[in-house]
PDB file of N, CA and C in Angstrom:
ATOM      1  N   UNK A   1     -52.916-143.489  12.704  1.00  0.00           N
ATOM      2  CA  UNK A   1     -53.949-144.128  12.327  1.00  0.00           C
ATOM      3  C   UNK A   1     -54.808-143.299  11.473  1.00  0.00           C
ATOM      4  N   UNK A   2     -55.067-143.558   9.979  1.00  0.00           N
ATOM      5  CA  UNK A   2     -55.630-142.809   9.274  1.00  0.00           C
ATOM      6  C   UNK A   2     -57.323-143.288   9.124  1.00  0.00           C
ATOM      7  N   UNK A   3     -58.178-142.398   8.586  1.00  0.00           N
ATOM      8  CA  UNK A   3     -59.328-142.451   8.846  1.00  0.00           C
ATOM      9  C   UNK A   3     -59.911-143.388   7.388  1.00  0.00           C
ATOM     10  N   UNK A   4     -60.459-144.440   7.501  1.00  0.00           N
ATOM     11  CA  UNK A   4     -60.570-145.061   5.904  1.00  0.00           C
ATOM     12  C   UNK A   4     -62.040-145.210   5.714  1.00  0.00           C
ATOM     13  N   UNK A   5     -62.905-144.438   6.480  1.00  0.00           N
ATOM     14  CA  UNK A   5     -64.119-144.420   6.240  1.00  0.00           C
ATOM     15  C   UNK A   5     -64.794-143.486   5.186  1.00  0.00           C
ATOM     16  N   UNK A   6     -65.599-143.969   4.582  1.00  0.00           N
ATOM     17  CA  UNK A   6     -66.226-143.397   3.270  1.00  0.00           C
ATOM     18  C   UNK A   6     -66.621-141.681   3.743  1.00  0.00           C
ATOM     19  N   UNK A   7     -66.369-140.486   3.041  1.00  0.00           N
ATOM     20  CA  UNK A   7     -66.845-139.506   3.240  1.00  0.00           C
ATOM     21  C   UNK A   7     -68.414-139.408   3.496  1.00  0.00           C
ATOM     22  N   UNK A   8     -68.806-138.536   4.157  1.00  0.00           N
ATOM     23  CA  UNK A   8     -70.521-138.276   4.535  1.00  0.00           C
ATOM     24  C   UNK A   8     -70.809-137.771   3.340  1.00  0.00           C
ATOM     25  N   UNK A   9     -72.121-138.299   2.985  1.00  0.00           N
ATOM     26  CA  UNK A   9     -72.899-137.515   1.750  1.00  0.00           C
ATOM     27  C   UNK A   9     -73.535-136.341   2.334  1.00  0.00           C
ATOM     28  N   UNK A  10     -73.665-135.233   1.448  1.00  0.00           N
ATOM     29  CA  UNK A  10     -74.392-134.098   1.905  1.00  0.00           C
ATOM     30  C   UNK A  10     -75.661-134.423   2.489  1.00  0.00           C
ATOM     31  N   UNK A  11     -76.683-135.350   1.611  1.00  0.00           N
ATOM     32  CA  UNK A  11     -77.994-135.672   1.961  1.00  0.00           C
ATOM     33  C   UNK A  11     -78.037-136.514   3.546  1.00  0.00           C
ATOM     34  N   UNK A  12     -76.887-137.130   4.150  1.00  0.00           N
ATOM     35  CA  UNK A  12     -76.914-137.655   5.077  1.00  0.00           C
ATOM     36  C   UNK A  12     -76.559-136.757   6.123  1.00  0.00           C
ATOM     37  N   UNK A  13     -75.837-135.807   5.760  1.00  0.00           N
ATOM     38  CA  UNK A  13     -75.527-134.867   6.808  1.00  0.00           C
ATOM     39  C   UNK A  13     -76.756-133.913   7.093  1.00  0.00           C
ATOM     40  N   UNK A  14     -77.425-133.463   6.160  1.00  0.00           N
ATOM     41  CA  UNK A  14     -78.695-133.012   6.306  1.00  0.00           C
ATOM     42  C   UNK A  14     -79.639-133.621   7.171  1.00  0.00           C
ATOM     43  N   UNK A  15     -79.866-135.024   7.033  1.00  0.00           N
ATOM     44  CA  UNK A  15     -80.756-135.746   7.495  1.00  0.00           C
ATOM     45  C   UNK A  15     -80.502-135.909   9.203  1.00  0.00           C
ATOM     46  N   UNK A  16     -79.100-135.839   9.423  1.00  0.00           N
ATOM     47  CA  UNK A  16     -78.683-136.166  10.817  1.00  0.00           C
ATOM     48  C   UNK A  16     -78.773-134.780  11.450  1.00  0.00           C
ATOM     49  N   UNK A  17     -78.416-133.610  10.954  1.00  0.00           N
ATOM     50  CA  UNK A  17     -78.977-132.337  11.700  1.00  0.00           C
ATOM     51  C   UNK A  17     -80.464-131.909  11.547  1.00  0.00           C
ATOM     52  N   UNK A  18     -81.232-132.514  10.758  1.00  0.00           N
ATOM     53  CA  UNK A  18     -82.508-132.234  10.761  1.00  0.00           C
ATOM     54  C   UNK A  18     -83.303-133.272  11.887  1.00  0.00           C
ATOM     55  N   UNK A  19     -82.665-134.278  12.330  1.00  0.00           N
ATOM     56  CA  UNK A  19     -83.268-134.944  13.386  1.00  0.00           C
ATOM     57  C   UNK A  19     -83.854-136.114  12.408  1.00  0.00           C
ATOM     58  N   UNK A  20     -83.892-136.380  11.187  1.00  0.00           N
ATOM     59  CA  UNK A  20     -84.164-137.261  10.342  1.00  0.00           C
ATOM     60  C   UNK A  20     -83.670-138.828  10.311  1.00  0.00           C
ATOM     61  N   UNK A  21     -82.340-138.762  10.847  1.00  0.00           N
ATOM     62  CA  UNK A  21     -81.331-139.923  10.678  1.00  0.00           C
ATOM     63  C   UNK A  21     -81.658-141.135  11.617  1.00  0.00           C
ATOM     64  N   UNK A  22     -82.763-140.919  12.319  1.00  0.00           N
ATOM     65  CA  UNK A  22     -82.550-142.034  13.817  1.00  0.00           C
ATOM     66  C   UNK A  22     -81.382-141.520  14.642  1.00  0.00           C
ATOM     67  N   UNK A  23     -81.277-142.547  15.565  1.00  0.00           N
ATOM     68  CA  UNK A  23     -80.349-142.605  16.432  1.00  0.00           C
ATOM     69  C   UNK A  23     -78.634-142.166  16.007  1.00  0.00           C
ATOM     70  N   UNK A  24     -78.274-141.177  16.586  1.00  0.00           N
ATOM     71  CA  UNK A  24     -76.965-140.876  15.923  1.00  0.00           C
ATOM     72  C   UNK A  24     -76.108-140.300  17.098  1.00  0.00           C
ATOM     73  N   UNK A  25     -74.864-140.604  17.034  1.00  0.00           N
ATOM     74  CA  UNK A  25     -73.661-140.170  18.045  1.00  0.00           C
ATOM     75  C   UNK A  25     -73.308-138.885  18.033  1.00  0.00           C
ATOM     76  N   UNK A  26     -72.464-138.193  18.973  1.00  0.00           N
ATOM     77  CA  UNK A  26     -72.076-136.848  19.093  1.00  0.00           C
ATOM     78  C   UNK A  26     -71.227-136.631  17.579  1.00  0.00           C
ATOM     79  N   UNK A  27     -70.368-137.595  17.362  1.00  0.00           N
ATOM     80  CA  UNK A  27     -69.489-137.469  16.412  1.00  0.00           C
ATOM     81  C   UNK A  27     -70.256-137.556  15.103  1.00  0.00           C
ATOM     82  N   UNK A  28     -71.211-138.293  14.976  1.00  0.00           N
ATOM     83  CA  UNK A  28     -71.897-138.350  13.673  1.00  0.00           C
ATOM     84  C   UNK A  28     -72.653-136.787  13.465  1.00  0.00           C
ATOM     85  N   UNK A  29     -73.152-136.061  14.406  1.00  0.00           N
ATOM     86  CA  UNK A  29     -73.346-134.745  14.523  1.00  0.00           C
ATOM     87  C   UNK A  29     -72.472-133.968  14.038  1.00  0.00           C
ATOM     88  N   UNK A  30     -71.294-133.816  14.874  1.00  0.00           N
ATOM     89  CA  UNK A  30     -70.147-133.168  14.273  1.00  0.00           C
ATOM     90  C   UNK A  30     -69.836-133.174  12.947  1.00  0.00           C
ATOM     91  N   UNK A  31     -69.598-134.430  12.628  1.00  0.00           N
ATOM     92  CA  UNK A  31     -68.940-134.833  10.995  1.00  0.00           C
ATOM     93  C   UNK A  31     -69.839-134.273  10.347  1.00  0.00           C
ATOM     94  N   UNK A  32     -71.255-134.321  10.446  1.00  0.00           N
ATOM     95  CA  UNK A  32     -72.677-133.790   9.536  1.00  0.00           C
ATOM     96  C   UNK A  32     -72.285-132.212   9.597  1.00  0.00           C
ATOM     97  N   UNK A  33     -71.888-131.436  10.730  1.00  0.00           N
ATOM     98  CA  UNK A  33     -72.074-130.247  10.960  1.00  0.00           C
ATOM     99  C   UNK A  33     -70.804-129.536  10.005  1.00  0.00           C
ATOM    100  N   UNK A  34     -69.810-130.406  10.162  1.00  0.00           N
ATOM    101  CA  UNK A  34     -68.531-130.167   9.196  1.00  0.00           C
ATOM    102  C   UNK A  34     -68.991-130.120   7.806  1.00  0.00           C
ATOM    103  N   UNK A  35     -69.580-131.230   7.498  1.00  0.00           N
ATOM    104  CA  UNK A  35     -70.016-131.751   5.968  1.00  0.00           C
ATOM    105  C   UNK A  35     -70.782-130.390   5.360  1.00  0.00           C
ATOM    106  N   UNK A  36     -71.672-129.983   6.229  1.00  0.00           N
ATOM    107  CA  UNK A  36     -72.793-128.872   5.454  1.00  0.00           C
ATOM    108  C   UNK A  36     -72.090-127.744   5.875  1.00  0.00           C
ATOM    109  N   UNK A  37     -71.230-127.162   6.754  1.00  0.00           N
ATOM    110  CA  UNK A  37     -70.260-125.993   6.751  1.00  0.00           C
ATOM    111  C   UNK A  37     -69.295-126.140   5.437  1.00  0.00           C
ATOM    112  N   UNK A  38     -68.612-126.855   5.343  1.00  0.00           N
ATOM    113  CA  UNK A  38     -68.015-127.065   4.163  1.00  0.00           C
ATOM    114  C   UNK A  38     -68.644-126.819   2.489  1.00  0.00           C
ATOM    115  N   UNK A  39     -69.922-127.370   2.553  1.00  0.00           N
ATOM    116  CA  UNK A  39     -70.638-127.385   1.231  1.00  0.00           C
ATOM    117  C   UNK A  39     -71.021-125.888   1.334  1.00  0.00           C
ATOM    118  N   UNK A  40     -71.533-125.096   2.288  1.00  0.00           N
ATOM    119  CA  UNK A  40     -71.825-123.736   2.602  1.00  0.00           C
ATOM    120  C   UNK A  40     -70.647-122.835   1.986  1.00  0.00           C
ATOM    121  N   UNK A  41     -69.478-123.063   2.723  1.00  0.00           N
ATOM    122  CA  UNK A  41     -68.339-122.423   2.345  1.00  0.00           C
ATOM    123  C   UNK A  41     -68.153-122.478   0.818  1.00  0.00           C
ATOM    124  N   UNK A  42     -68.093-123.565   0.064  1.00  0.00           N
ATOM    125  CA  UNK A  42     -67.901-123.598  -0.981  1.00  0.00           C
ATOM    126  C   UNK A  42     -69.003-123.199  -2.047  1.00  0.00           C
ATOM    127  N   UNK A  43     -70.212-122.980  -1.549  1.00  0.00           N
ATOM    128  CA  UNK A  43     -71.336-122.290  -2.427  1.00  0.00           C
ATOM    129  C   UNK A  43     -71.083-120.617  -2.315  1.00  0.00           C
ATOM    130  N   UNK A  44     -70.362-120.289  -1.121  1.00  0.00           N
ATOM    131  CA  UNK A  44     -70.223-118.983  -1.180  1.00  0.00           C
ATOM    132  C   UNK A  44     -69.124-118.495  -1.904  1.00  0.00           C
ATOM    133  N   UNK A  45     -68.046-119.168  -1.996  1.00  0.00           N
ATOM    134  CA  UNK A  45     -67.262-118.950  -3.013  1.00  0.00           C
ATOM    135  C   UNK A  45     -67.329-118.934  -4.453  1.00  0.00           C
ATOM    136  N   UNK A  46     -68.231-119.853  -4.788  1.00  0.00           N
ATOM    137  CA  UNK A  46     -68.748-119.775  -5.760  1.00  0.00           C
ATOM    138  C   UNK A  46     -69.567-118.592  -6.498  1.00  0.00           C
ATOM    139  N   UNK A  47     -70.366-118.369  -5.419  1.00  0.00           N
ATOM    140  CA  UNK A  47     -71.133-117.020  -5.556  1.00  0.00           C
ATOM    141  C   UNK A  47     -70.525-115.751  -5.745  1.00  0.00           C
ATOM    142  N   UNK A  48     -69.352-115.648  -4.990  1.00  0.00           N
ATOM    143  CA  UNK A  48     -68.465-114.604  -5.058  1.00  0.00           C
ATOM    144  C   UNK A  48     -67.819-114.477  -6.485  1.00  0.00           C
ATOM    145  N   UNK A  49     -67.165-115.581  -6.890  1.00  0.00           N
ATOM    146  CA  UNK A  49     -66.389-115.779  -8.046  1.00  0.00           C
ATOM    147  C   UNK A  49     -67.326-115.507  -9.161  1.00  0.00           C
ATOM    148  N   UNK A  50     -68.716-115.915  -9.163  1.00  0.00           N
ATOM    149  CA  UNK A  50     -69.389-115.868 -10.221  1.00  0.00           C
ATOM    150  C   UNK A  50     -70.029-114.271 -10.380  1.00  0.00           C
ATOM    151  N   UNK A  51     -70.139-113.891  -9.102  1.00  0.00           N
ATOM    152  CA  UNK A  51     -70.477-112.099  -9.307  1.00  0.00           C
ATOM    153  C   UNK A  51     -69.145-111.425  -9.881  1.00  0.00           C
ATOM    154  N   UNK A  52     -67.926-111.847  -9.529  1.00  0.00           N
ATOM    155  CA  UNK A  52     -66.968-111.329 -10.162  1.00  0.00           C
ATOM    156  C   UNK A  52     -66.888-111.623 -11.545  1.00  0.00           C
ATOM    157  N   UNK A  53     -66.729-112.608 -12.157  1.00  0.00           N
ATOM    158  CA  UNK A  53     -67.280-112.967 -13.684  1.00  0.00           C
ATOM    159  C   UNK A  53     -68.146-112.124 -14.425  1.00  0.00           C
ATOM    160  N   UNK A  54     -69.218-111.927 -13.776  1.00  0.00           N
ATOM    161  CA  UNK A  54     -70.433-111.290 -14.580  1.00  0.00           C
ATOM    162  C   UNK A  54     -70.271-109.574 -14.468  1.00  0.00           C
ATOM    163  N   UNK A  55     -69.410-109.298 -13.298  1.00  0.00           N
ATOM    164  CA  UNK A  55     -69.278-107.702 -13.181  1.00  0.00           C
ATOM    165  C   UNK A  55     -68.261-107.469 -13.421  1.00  0.00           C
ATOM    166  N   UNK A  56     -67.343-108.403 -14.164  1.00  0.00           N
ATOM    167  CA  UNK A  56     -65.885-107.926 -14.505  1.00  0.00           C
ATOM    168  C   UNK A  56     -65.960-106.744 -15.600  1.00  0.00           C
ATOM    169  N   UNK A  57     -65.117-105.820 -15.495  1.00  0.00           N
ATOM    170  CA  UNK A  57     -64.865-104.676 -16.695  1.00  0.00           C
ATOM    171  C   UNK A  57     -64.009-104.926 -17.769  1.00  0.00           C
ATOM    172  N   UNK A  58     -63.136-106.012 -17.514  1.00  0.00           N
ATOM    173  CA  UNK A  58     -61.733-106.034 -18.218  1.00  0.00           C
ATOM    174  C   UNK A  58     -62.018-107.631 -18.556  1.00  0.00           C
ATOM    175  N   UNK A  59     -61.162-108.069 -19.613  1.00  0.00           N
ATOM    176  CA  UNK A  59     -60.878-109.363 -20.093  1.00  0.00           C
ATOM    177  C   UNK A  59     -60.006-110.196 -18.974  1.00  0.00           C
ATOM    178  N   UNK A  60     -59.179-109.534 -18.349  1.00  0.00           N
ATOM    179  CA  UNK A  60     -58.076-110.156 -17.197  1.00  0.00           C
ATOM    180  C   UNK A  60     -58.919-110.437 -16.092  1.00  0.00           C
ATOM    181  N   UNK A  61     -59.800-109.779 -15.737  1.00  0.00           N
ATOM    182  CA  UNK A  61     -60.617-109.893 -14.355  1.00  0.00           C
ATOM    183  C   UNK A  61     -61.458-110.942 -14.842  1.00  0.00           C
ATOM    184  N   UNK A  62     -62.314-111.103 -15.904  1.00  0.00           N
ATOM    185  CA  UNK A  62     -63.067-112.084 -16.239  1.00  0.00           C
ATOM    186  C   UNK A  62     -62.465-113.292 -16.403  1.00  0.00           C
ATOM    187  N   UNK A  63     -61.316-113.431 -17.207  1.00  0.00           N
ATOM    188  CA  UNK A  63     -60.441-114.494 -17.361  1.00  0.00           C
ATOM    189  C   UNK A  63     -60.022-115.444 -15.791  1.00  0.00           C
ATOM    190  N   UNK A  64     -59.771-114.507 -14.969  1.00  0.00           N
ATOM    191  CA  UNK A  64     -59.236-114.861 -13.550  1.00  0.00           C
ATOM    192  C   UNK A  64     -60.341-115.398 -12.839  1.00  0.00           C
ATOM    193  N   UNK A  65     -61.503-114.841 -12.876  1.00  0.00           N
ATOM    194  CA  UNK A  65     -62.829-115.223 -11.884  1.00  0.00           C
ATOM    195  C   UNK A  65     -63.100-116.656 -12.616  1.00  0.00           C
ATOM    196  N   UNK A  66     -63.153-116.846 -14.048  1.00  0.00           N
ATOM    197  CA  UNK A  66     -63.552-118.023 -14.486  1.00  0.00           C
ATOM    198  C   UNK A  66     -62.563-119.192 -14.243  1.00  0.00           C
ATOM    199  N   UNK A  67     -61.157-118.801 -14.311  1.00  0.00           N
ATOM    200  CA  UNK A  67     -60.226-119.900 -14.001  1.00  0.00           C
ATOM    201  C   UNK A  67     -60.330-120.407 -12.781  1.00  0.00           C
ATOM    202  N   UNK A  68     -60.866-119.293 -11.716  1.00  0.00           N
ATOM    203  CA  UNK A  68     -60.871-119.964 -10.344  1.00  0.00           C
ATOM    204  C   UNK A  68     -62.098-120.732  -9.920  1.00  0.00           C
ATOM    205  N   UNK A  69     -63.112-120.118 -10.766  1.00  0.00           N
ATOM    206  CA  UNK A  69     -64.482-120.892 -10.594  1.00  0.00           C
ATOM    207  C   UNK A  69     -64.149-122.210 -11.442  1.00  0.00           C
ATOM    208  N   UNK A  70     -63.586-122.613 -12.461  1.00  0.00           N
ATOM    209  CA  UNK A  70     -63.257-124.135 -12.623  1.00  0.00           C
ATOM    210  C   UNK A  70     -62.210-124.701 -11.915  1.00  0.00           C
ATOM    211  N   UNK A  71     -61.280-124.138 -11.145  1.00  0.00           N
ATOM    212  CA  UNK A  71     -60.627-124.506 -10.069  1.00  0.00           C
ATOM    213  C   UNK A  71     -61.568-125.226  -8.764  1.00  0.00           C
ATOM    214  N   UNK A  72     -62.089-124.239  -8.458  1.00  0.00           N
ATOM    215  CA  UNK A  72     -63.186-124.716  -7.401  1.00  0.00           C
ATOM    216  C   UNK A  72     -63.887-125.917  -7.809  1.00  0.00           C
ATOM    217  N   UNK A  73     -64.535-125.930  -9.259  1.00  0.00           N
ATOM    218  CA  UNK A  73     -65.321-127.306  -9.176  1.00  0.00           C
ATOM    219  C   UNK A  73     -64.522-128.385  -9.460  1.00  0.00           C
ATOM    220  N   UNK A  74     -63.342-128.444  -9.990  1.00  0.00           N
ATOM    221  CA  UNK A  74     -62.508-129.308  -9.913  1.00  0.00           C
ATOM    222  C   UNK A  74     -61.864-129.828  -8.494  1.00  0.00           C
ATOM    223  N   UNK A  75     -61.778-129.404  -7.513  1.00  0.00           N
ATOM    224  CA  UNK A  75     -61.402-129.647  -6.373  1.00  0.00           C
ATOM    225  C   UNK A  75     -62.161-130.929  -5.724  1.00  0.00           C
ATOM    226  N   UNK A  76     -61.782-131.792  -5.016  1.00  0.00           N
ATOM    227  CA  UNK A  76     -62.792-132.930  -4.746  1.00  0.00           C
ATOM    228  C   UNK A  76     -63.362-132.350  -3.592  1.00  0.00           C
TER     229      UNK A  76
END
């Protein structure tokens, strides 16, 4: 059976973890934690790739970093 629910928006996940979302279930809190962790991982990846782009000493390295940055932003 597949999950047909809409993905949890980041603002909702943050509210749940901060305790500002009213009554929540343990499943809501687990899902919220996963959403926030996924976003943090994405930010960390962008930070690393942006640093590689800025600090690149040759065109090939810069182009690879820029391509990976674009791929990262194109992911759903």
